[in-house]
């Protein structure tokens, strides 16, 4: 059986016995495989608990995991992957599918691209999607996070601003970023310099305690309105 993310063969059941332990190459491949499986399982559970859909792709752009929340959001049957189904073709419009494929290709071929955002339509409702580059012991893949509807973003930002003490300008900025706009697009729309925007992002990062812009966007999307207790738990 092939585990595409790592481009290695999954060992047979006896690969970890005493006889095979002397074969360093097999053991090394098995260790990488086990780490990837653990990461995939942990990410799936975490995202499902947060109500976030998750789709994991290997470096060859093949799907190897779709969590329960993603299946529900995309209306996929439980055994969808076992049938060899493609969640992008079935769950998204042709236009959004084309955009997602291009973004996945870019992230798989360009190591400097760490994350990308996109708003898509699911059942006629606009939903926020984030792609992040996934690294497992030197092997690469892409994770797609499917968040709640963008109509909740304004209320989420308002609650975050109140809790973390964000200024009106910082709140407006992170709300725009959460809707899939770039810092440069925001600067142009507001008629301010990109340096001012970066300064606002830096201030918002310091106040919320996250390290990157993508984490700031995820903070907004993962904690919908009326979730003050969950925000406090996240902060602590």
C-alpha atoms as a PDB file:
ATOM      1  CA  UNK A   1       0.000   0.000   0.000  1.00  0.00           C
ATOM      2  CA  UNK A   2       1.293   3.470  -0.864  1.00  0.00           C
ATOM      3  CA  UNK A   3       1.302   6.391   1.564  1.00  0.00           C
ATOM      4  CA  UNK A   4       1.643   9.222  -0.942  1.00  0.00           C
ATOM      5  CA  UNK A   5       2.547  12.080   1.410  1.00  0.00           C
ATOM      6  CA  UNK A   6       5.825  10.377   2.197  1.00  0.00           C
ATOM      7  CA  UNK A   7       6.214   8.563  -1.130  1.00  0.00           C
ATOM      8  CA  UNK A   8       7.069   5.314   0.678  1.00  0.00           C
ATOM      9  CA  UNK A   9       5.537   1.859   0.891  1.00  0.00           C
ATOM     10  CA  UNK A  10       3.645   1.087   4.071  1.00  0.00           C
ATOM     11  CA  UNK A  11       5.483  -1.850   5.713  1.00  0.00           C
ATOM     12  CA  UNK A  12       3.784  -5.146   6.369  1.00  0.00           C
ATOM     13  CA  UNK A  13       2.622  -5.918   9.902  1.00  0.00           C
ATOM     14  CA  UNK A  14       5.924  -7.568  10.895  1.00  0.00           C
ATOM     15  CA  UNK A  15       8.161  -4.668   9.910  1.00  0.00           C
ATOM     16  CA  UNK A  16       8.814  -3.725  13.520  1.00  0.00           C
ATOM     17  CA  UNK A  17       9.889  -7.144  14.747  1.00  0.00           C
ATOM     18  CA  UNK A  18      13.468  -7.870  15.868  1.00  0.00           C
ATOM     19  CA  UNK A  19      14.486  -9.209  12.485  1.00  0.00           C
ATOM     20  CA  UNK A  20      13.555  -6.038  10.622  1.00  0.00           C
ATOM     21  CA  UNK A  21      14.967  -3.649  13.191  1.00  0.00           C
ATOM     22  CA  UNK A  22      18.397  -4.201  11.776  1.00  0.00           C
ATOM     23  CA  UNK A  23      17.269  -2.781   8.463  1.00  0.00           C
ATOM     24  CA  UNK A  24      17.780   0.918   9.149  1.00  0.00           C
ATOM     25  CA  UNK A  25      16.191   2.055   5.900  1.00  0.00           C
ATOM     26  CA  UNK A  26      12.897   0.324   6.627  1.00  0.00           C
ATOM     27  CA  UNK A  27      12.863   1.561  10.194  1.00  0.00           C
ATOM     28  CA  UNK A  28      13.534   5.104   9.068  1.00  0.00           C
ATOM     29  CA  UNK A  29      10.673   4.998   6.575  1.00  0.00           C
ATOM     30  CA  UNK A  30       8.391   3.453   9.178  1.00  0.00           C
ATOM     31  CA  UNK A  31       9.219   6.193  11.687  1.00  0.00           C
ATOM     32  CA  UNK A  32       8.365   8.906   9.166  1.00  0.00           C
ATOM     33  CA  UNK A  33       5.123   7.101   8.337  1.00  0.00           C
ATOM     34  CA  UNK A  34       4.108   6.755  11.976  1.00  0.00           C
ATOM     35  CA  UNK A  35       4.792  10.439  12.647  1.00  0.00           C
ATOM     36  CA  UNK A  36       2.664  11.464   9.662  1.00  0.00           C
ATOM     37  CA  UNK A  37      -0.214   9.200  10.673  1.00  0.00           C
ATOM     38  CA  UNK A  38      -0.115  10.564  14.226  1.00  0.00           C
ATOM     39  CA  UNK A  39      -0.118  14.142  12.947  1.00  0.00           C
ATOM     40  CA  UNK A  40      -3.001  13.433  10.581  1.00  0.00           C
ATOM     41  CA  UNK A  41      -5.048  11.815  13.367  1.00  0.00           C
ATOM     42  CA  UNK A  42      -4.339  14.656  15.820  1.00  0.00           C
ATOM     43  CA  UNK A  43      -5.203  17.357  13.291  1.00  0.00           C
ATOM     44  CA  UNK A  44      -8.452  15.613  12.365  1.00  0.00           C
ATOM     45  CA  UNK A  45      -9.588  15.349  15.988  1.00  0.00           C
ATOM     46  CA  UNK A  46      -8.614  18.933  16.803  1.00  0.00           C
ATOM     47  CA  UNK A  47     -10.357  20.384  13.766  1.00  0.00           C
ATOM     48  CA  UNK A  48     -13.501  18.322  14.313  1.00  0.00           C
ATOM     49  CA  UNK A  49     -13.652  19.510  17.935  1.00  0.00           C
ATOM     50  CA  UNK A  50     -13.457  23.111  16.731  1.00  0.00           C
ATOM     51  CA  UNK A  51     -16.053  22.548  14.024  1.00  0.00           C
ATOM     52  CA  UNK A  52     -13.444  23.032  11.284  1.00  0.00           C
ATOM     53  CA  UNK A  53     -13.328  20.888   8.159  1.00  0.00           C
ATOM     54  CA  UNK A  54      -9.941  19.412   7.213  1.00  0.00           C
ATOM     55  CA  UNK A  55      -8.640  17.927   3.965  1.00  0.00           C
ATOM     56  CA  UNK A  56      -5.027  16.711   3.782  1.00  0.00           C
ATOM     57  CA  UNK A  57      -3.100  16.395   0.513  1.00  0.00           C
ATOM     58  CA  UNK A  58       0.250  14.736  -0.130  1.00  0.00           C
ATOM     59  CA  UNK A  59       3.100  16.271  -2.143  1.00  0.00           C
ATOM     60  CA  UNK A  60       1.658  14.620  -5.268  1.00  0.00           C
ATOM     61  CA  UNK A  61      -1.620  16.477  -4.645  1.00  0.00           C
ATOM     62  CA  UNK A  62      -3.469  13.284  -3.680  1.00  0.00           C
ATOM     63  CA  UNK A  63      -6.042  13.335  -0.867  1.00  0.00           C
ATOM     64  CA  UNK A  64      -5.240  11.032   2.044  1.00  0.00           C
ATOM     65  CA  UNK A  65      -7.500  12.326   4.818  1.00  0.00           C
ATOM     66  CA  UNK A  66     -10.882  14.078   5.064  1.00  0.00           C
ATOM     67  CA  UNK A  67     -12.229  14.604   8.570  1.00  0.00           C
ATOM     68  CA  UNK A  68     -15.868  14.169   9.600  1.00  0.00           C
ATOM     69  CA  UNK A  69     -16.586  17.906   9.612  1.00  0.00           C
ATOM     70  CA  UNK A  70     -15.315  18.318   6.034  1.00  0.00           C
ATOM     71  CA  UNK A  71     -17.442  15.382   4.910  1.00  0.00           C
ATOM     72  CA  UNK A  72     -20.488  17.015   6.488  1.00  0.00           C
ATOM     73  CA  UNK A  73     -19.773  20.437   4.978  1.00  0.00           C
ATOM     74  CA  UNK A  74     -19.130  18.986   1.520  1.00  0.00           C
ATOM     75  CA  UNK A  75     -21.956  16.404   1.847  1.00  0.00           C
ATOM     76  CA  UNK A  76     -19.637  13.460   1.204  1.00  0.00           C
ATOM     77  CA  UNK A  77     -20.494   9.839   2.109  1.00  0.00           C
ATOM     78  CA  UNK A  78     -18.549   8.209   4.927  1.00  0.00           C
ATOM     79  CA  UNK A  79     -16.634   5.878   2.590  1.00  0.00           C
ATOM     80  CA  UNK A  80     -15.877   8.617   0.058  1.00  0.00           C
ATOM     81  CA  UNK A  81     -12.101   8.189   0.143  1.00  0.00           C
ATOM     82  CA  UNK A  82     -12.318   4.400   0.045  1.00  0.00           C
ATOM     83  CA  UNK A  83     -14.187   4.783  -3.248  1.00  0.00           C
ATOM     84  CA  UNK A  84     -11.351   6.897  -4.623  1.00  0.00           C
ATOM     85  CA  UNK A  85     -13.411  10.089  -4.662  1.00  0.00           C
ATOM     86  CA  UNK A  86     -11.997  13.591  -5.144  1.00  0.00           C
ATOM     87  CA  UNK A  87     -13.475  16.067  -2.613  1.00  0.00           C
ATOM     88  CA  UNK A  88     -12.478  19.068  -4.733  1.00  0.00           C
ATOM     89  CA  UNK A  89     -14.462  17.848  -7.745  1.00  0.00           C
ATOM     90  CA  UNK A  90     -17.512  16.814  -5.742  1.00  0.00           C
ATOM     91  CA  UNK A  91     -17.638  19.440  -2.993  1.00  0.00           C
ATOM     92  CA  UNK A  92     -16.739  22.673  -4.780  1.00  0.00           C
ATOM     93  CA  UNK A  93     -17.886  24.587  -7.841  1.00  0.00           C
ATOM     94  CA  UNK A  94     -15.726  24.339 -10.976  1.00  0.00           C
ATOM     95  CA  UNK A  95     -14.485  27.888 -10.449  1.00  0.00           C
ATOM     96  CA  UNK A  96     -13.503  27.300  -6.813  1.00  0.00           C
ATOM     97  CA  UNK A  97     -12.072  23.885  -7.681  1.00  0.00           C
ATOM     98  CA  UNK A  98      -9.793  25.467 -10.293  1.00  0.00           C
ATOM     99  CA  UNK A  99      -8.600  28.087  -7.802  1.00  0.00           C
ATOM    100  CA  UNK A 100      -7.921  25.479  -5.111  1.00  0.00           C
ATOM    101  CA  UNK A 101      -5.980  23.231  -7.505  1.00  0.00           C
ATOM    102  CA  UNK A 102      -3.808  26.182  -8.557  1.00  0.00           C
ATOM    103  CA  UNK A 103      -3.182  27.110  -4.921  1.00  0.00           C
ATOM    104  CA  UNK A 104      -2.287  23.531  -3.949  1.00  0.00           C
ATOM    105  CA  UNK A 105       0.107  23.291  -6.903  1.00  0.00           C
ATOM    106  CA  UNK A 106       1.777  26.544  -5.913  1.00  0.00           C
ATOM    107  CA  UNK A 107       2.217  25.438  -2.311  1.00  0.00           C
ATOM    108  CA  UNK A 108       3.614  22.058  -3.341  1.00  0.00           C
ATOM    109  CA  UNK A 109       6.180  23.598  -5.690  1.00  0.00           C
ATOM    110  CA  UNK A 110       7.097  26.764  -3.803  1.00  0.00           C
ATOM    111  CA  UNK A 111       8.425  26.217  -0.287  1.00  0.00           C
ATOM    112  CA  UNK A 112       8.276  29.935   0.475  1.00  0.00           C
ATOM    113  CA  UNK A 113       4.464  29.867   0.198  1.00  0.00           C
ATOM    114  CA  UNK A 114       3.342  28.918   3.701  1.00  0.00           C
ATOM    115  CA  UNK A 115      -0.376  29.751   3.616  1.00  0.00           C
ATOM    116  CA  UNK A 116      -3.129  31.086   1.359  1.00  0.00           C
ATOM    117  CA  UNK A 117      -6.775  32.075   1.908  1.00  0.00           C
ATOM    118  CA  UNK A 118      -9.883  31.878  -0.256  1.00  0.00           C
ATOM    119  CA  UNK A 119     -13.625  32.404   0.089  1.00  0.00           C
ATOM    120  CA  UNK A 120     -15.705  29.700  -1.611  1.00  0.00           C
ATOM    121  CA  UNK A 121     -19.385  28.913  -2.058  1.00  0.00           C
ATOM    122  CA  UNK A 122     -20.816  25.810  -0.405  1.00  0.00           C
ATOM    123  CA  UNK A 123     -24.530  25.325  -0.955  1.00  0.00           C
ATOM    124  CA  UNK A 124     -24.862  28.961  -1.975  1.00  0.00           C
ATOM    125  CA  UNK A 125     -23.242  30.176   1.257  1.00  0.00           C
ATOM    126  CA  UNK A 126     -19.858  31.922   1.328  1.00  0.00           C
ATOM    127  CA  UNK A 127     -17.353  30.000   3.455  1.00  0.00           C
ATOM    128  CA  UNK A 128     -13.771  30.840   4.391  1.00  0.00           C
ATOM    129  CA  UNK A 129     -11.025  28.383   3.409  1.00  0.00           C
ATOM    130  CA  UNK A 130      -7.349  28.444   4.372  1.00  0.00           C
ATOM    131  CA  UNK A 131      -4.528  26.378   2.877  1.00  0.00           C
ATOM    132  CA  UNK A 132      -1.309  25.741   4.806  1.00  0.00           C
ATOM    133  CA  UNK A 133       1.887  23.977   3.835  1.00  0.00           C
ATOM    134  CA  UNK A 134       2.371  20.819   5.914  1.00  0.00           C
ATOM    135  CA  UNK A 135       5.864  19.543   6.757  1.00  0.00           C
ATOM    136  CA  UNK A 136       6.478  16.061   8.193  1.00  0.00           C
ATOM    137  CA  UNK A 137      10.158  15.233   8.800  1.00  0.00           C
ATOM    138  CA  UNK A 138      11.274  16.808   5.524  1.00  0.00           C
ATOM    139  CA  UNK A 139       8.254  15.641   3.510  1.00  0.00           C
ATOM    140  CA  UNK A 140       5.651  18.137   2.334  1.00  0.00           C
ATOM    141  CA  UNK A 141       1.907  18.258   1.833  1.00  0.00           C
ATOM    142  CA  UNK A 142      -0.980  20.725   2.013  1.00  0.00           C
ATOM    143  CA  UNK A 143      -3.786  21.044   4.546  1.00  0.00           C
ATOM    144  CA  UNK A 144      -7.093  22.730   3.688  1.00  0.00           C
ATOM    145  CA  UNK A 145      -9.115  24.142   6.585  1.00  0.00           C
ATOM    146  CA  UNK A 146     -12.812  24.845   5.924  1.00  0.00           C
ATOM    147  CA  UNK A 147     -14.186  27.345   8.428  1.00  0.00           C
ATOM    148  CA  UNK A 148     -17.619  28.781   9.152  1.00  0.00           C
ATOM    149  CA  UNK A 149     -19.518  31.243   7.006  1.00  0.00           C
ATOM    150  CA  UNK A 150     -17.937  34.651   6.458  1.00  0.00           C
ATOM    151  CA  UNK A 151     -21.148  36.306   7.694  1.00  0.00           C
ATOM    152  CA  UNK A 152     -19.944  35.501  11.231  1.00  0.00           C
ATOM    153  CA  UNK A 153     -16.603  37.250  10.788  1.00  0.00           C
ATOM    154  CA  UNK A 154     -17.781  40.744  11.746  1.00  0.00           C
ATOM    155  CA  UNK A 155     -19.194  39.546  15.063  1.00  0.00           C
ATOM    156  CA  UNK A 156     -16.141  37.384  15.703  1.00  0.00           C
ATOM    157  CA  UNK A 157     -13.802  40.324  15.127  1.00  0.00           C
ATOM    158  CA  UNK A 158     -15.887  42.510  17.438  1.00  0.00           C
ATOM    159  CA  UNK A 159     -15.641  39.956  20.233  1.00  0.00           C
ATOM    160  CA  UNK A 160     -11.915  39.435  19.690  1.00  0.00           C
ATOM    161  CA  UNK A 161     -11.340  43.202  19.692  1.00  0.00           C
ATOM    162  CA  UNK A 162     -13.130  43.557  23.014  1.00  0.00           C
ATOM    163  CA  UNK A 163     -11.269  40.690  24.624  1.00  0.00           C
ATOM    164  CA  UNK A 164      -7.764  41.503  23.342  1.00  0.00           C
ATOM    165  CA  UNK A 165      -8.085  45.296  23.325  1.00  0.00           C
ATOM    166  CA  UNK A 166      -7.671  45.748  19.568  1.00  0.00           C
ATOM    167  CA  UNK A 167      -8.083  49.221  18.094  1.00  0.00           C
ATOM    168  CA  UNK A 168     -10.791  49.970  15.533  1.00  0.00           C
ATOM    169  CA  UNK A 169      -8.157  50.063  12.773  1.00  0.00           C
ATOM    170  CA  UNK A 170      -6.681  46.708  13.836  1.00  0.00           C
ATOM    171  CA  UNK A 171     -10.150  45.137  14.001  1.00  0.00           C
ATOM    172  CA  UNK A 172     -11.038  46.387  10.528  1.00  0.00           C
ATOM    173  CA  UNK A 173      -7.751  45.040   9.184  1.00  0.00           C
ATOM    174  CA  UNK A 174      -7.980  41.511  10.587  1.00  0.00           C
ATOM    175  CA  UNK A 175     -11.611  41.285   9.492  1.00  0.00           C
ATOM    176  CA  UNK A 176     -10.541  42.119   5.956  1.00  0.00           C
ATOM    177  CA  UNK A 177      -7.693  39.597   6.065  1.00  0.00           C
ATOM    178  CA  UNK A 178     -10.113  36.937   7.362  1.00  0.00           C
ATOM    179  CA  UNK A 179     -12.283  37.540   4.290  1.00  0.00           C
ATOM    180  CA  UNK A 180      -9.379  36.566   2.050  1.00  0.00           C
ATOM    181  CA  UNK A 181      -7.984  39.989   1.117  1.00  0.00           C
ATOM    182  CA  UNK A 182      -4.245  40.676   1.204  1.00  0.00           C
ATOM    183  CA  UNK A 183      -2.429  43.347   3.181  1.00  0.00           C
ATOM    184  CA  UNK A 184      -1.587  45.170  -0.062  1.00  0.00           C
ATOM    185  CA  UNK A 185      -5.228  45.134  -1.171  1.00  0.00           C
ATOM    186  CA  UNK A 186      -6.288  46.514   2.207  1.00  0.00           C
ATOM    187  CA  UNK A 187      -3.673  49.286   2.029  1.00  0.00           C
ATOM    188  CA  UNK A 188      -4.830  50.283  -1.453  1.00  0.00           C
ATOM    189  CA  UNK A 189      -8.507  50.272  -0.467  1.00  0.00           C
ATOM    190  CA  UNK A 190      -7.847  52.407   2.623  1.00  0.00           C
ATOM    191  CA  UNK A 191      -5.357  54.719   0.918  1.00  0.00           C
ATOM    192  CA  UNK A 192      -2.621  54.023   3.470  1.00  0.00           C
ATOM    193  CA  UNK A 193       0.935  52.751   3.122  1.00  0.00           C
ATOM    194  CA  UNK A 194       1.763  49.068   3.326  1.00  0.00           C
ATOM    195  CA  UNK A 195       4.138  49.917   6.184  1.00  0.00           C
ATOM    196  CA  UNK A 196       1.203  51.233   8.213  1.00  0.00           C
ATOM    197  CA  UNK A 197      -0.691  47.995   7.546  1.00  0.00           C
ATOM    198  CA  UNK A 198       2.292  45.875   8.601  1.00  0.00           C
ATOM    199  CA  UNK A 199       2.581  47.964  11.770  1.00  0.00           C
ATOM    200  CA  UNK A 200      -1.084  47.288  12.570  1.00  0.00           C
ATOM    201  CA  UNK A 201      -0.614  43.567  11.938  1.00  0.00           C
ATOM    202  CA  UNK A 202       2.433  43.523  14.218  1.00  0.00           C
ATOM    203  CA  UNK A 203       0.442  45.250  16.974  1.00  0.00           C
ATOM    204  CA  UNK A 204      -2.484  42.807  16.588  1.00  0.00           C
ATOM    205  CA  UNK A 205      -0.090  39.842  16.753  1.00  0.00           C
ATOM    206  CA  UNK A 206       1.435  41.153  19.968  1.00  0.00           C
ATOM    207  CA  UNK A 207      -1.970  41.703  21.594  1.00  0.00           C
ATOM    208  CA  UNK A 208      -3.427  38.309  20.621  1.00  0.00           C
ATOM    209  CA  UNK A 209      -0.258  36.338  21.324  1.00  0.00           C
ATOM    210  CA  UNK A 210      -0.061  34.621  17.930  1.00  0.00           C
ATOM    211  CA  UNK A 211       3.082  34.686  15.781  1.00  0.00           C
ATOM    212  CA  UNK A 212       1.968  34.899  12.161  1.00  0.00           C
ATOM    213  CA  UNK A 213      -0.668  36.612  10.055  1.00  0.00           C
ATOM    214  CA  UNK A 214      -2.156  33.240   9.083  1.00  0.00           C
ATOM    215  CA  UNK A 215      -2.577  32.370  12.774  1.00  0.00           C
ATOM    216  CA  UNK A 216      -4.334  35.689  13.310  1.00  0.00           C
ATOM    217  CA  UNK A 217      -6.803  34.853  10.539  1.00  0.00           C
ATOM    218  CA  UNK A 218      -7.339  31.372  11.987  1.00  0.00           C
ATOM    219  CA  UNK A 219      -8.042  32.928  15.389  1.00  0.00           C
ATOM    220  CA  UNK A 220     -10.907  34.875  13.844  1.00  0.00           C
ATOM    221  CA  UNK A 221     -12.278  31.960  11.842  1.00  0.00           C
ATOM    222  CA  UNK A 222     -11.962  29.275  14.523  1.00  0.00           C
ATOM    223  CA  UNK A 223     -13.788  31.253  17.184  1.00  0.00           C
ATOM    224  CA  UNK A 224     -17.187  32.365  15.859  1.00  0.00           C
ATOM    225  CA  UNK A 225     -19.378  34.933  17.544  1.00  0.00           C
ATOM    226  CA  UNK A 226     -20.730  34.228  21.047  1.00  0.00           C
ATOM    227  CA  UNK A 227     -17.739  32.047  21.942  1.00  0.00           C
ATOM    228  CA  UNK A 228     -16.121  34.125  24.662  1.00  0.00           C
ATOM    229  CA  UNK A 229     -15.375  31.130  26.871  1.00  0.00           C
ATOM    230  CA  UNK A 230     -13.566  29.345  24.052  1.00  0.00           C
ATOM    231  CA  UNK A 231     -11.530  32.466  23.296  1.00  0.00           C
ATOM    232  CA  UNK A 232     -10.494  32.717  26.939  1.00  0.00           C
ATOM    233  CA  UNK A 233      -9.521  29.033  26.981  1.00  0.00           C
ATOM    234  CA  UNK A 234      -7.449  29.553  23.809  1.00  0.00           C
ATOM    235  CA  UNK A 235      -5.708  32.598  25.309  1.00  0.00           C
ATOM    236  CA  UNK A 236      -4.721  30.677  28.442  1.00  0.00           C
END
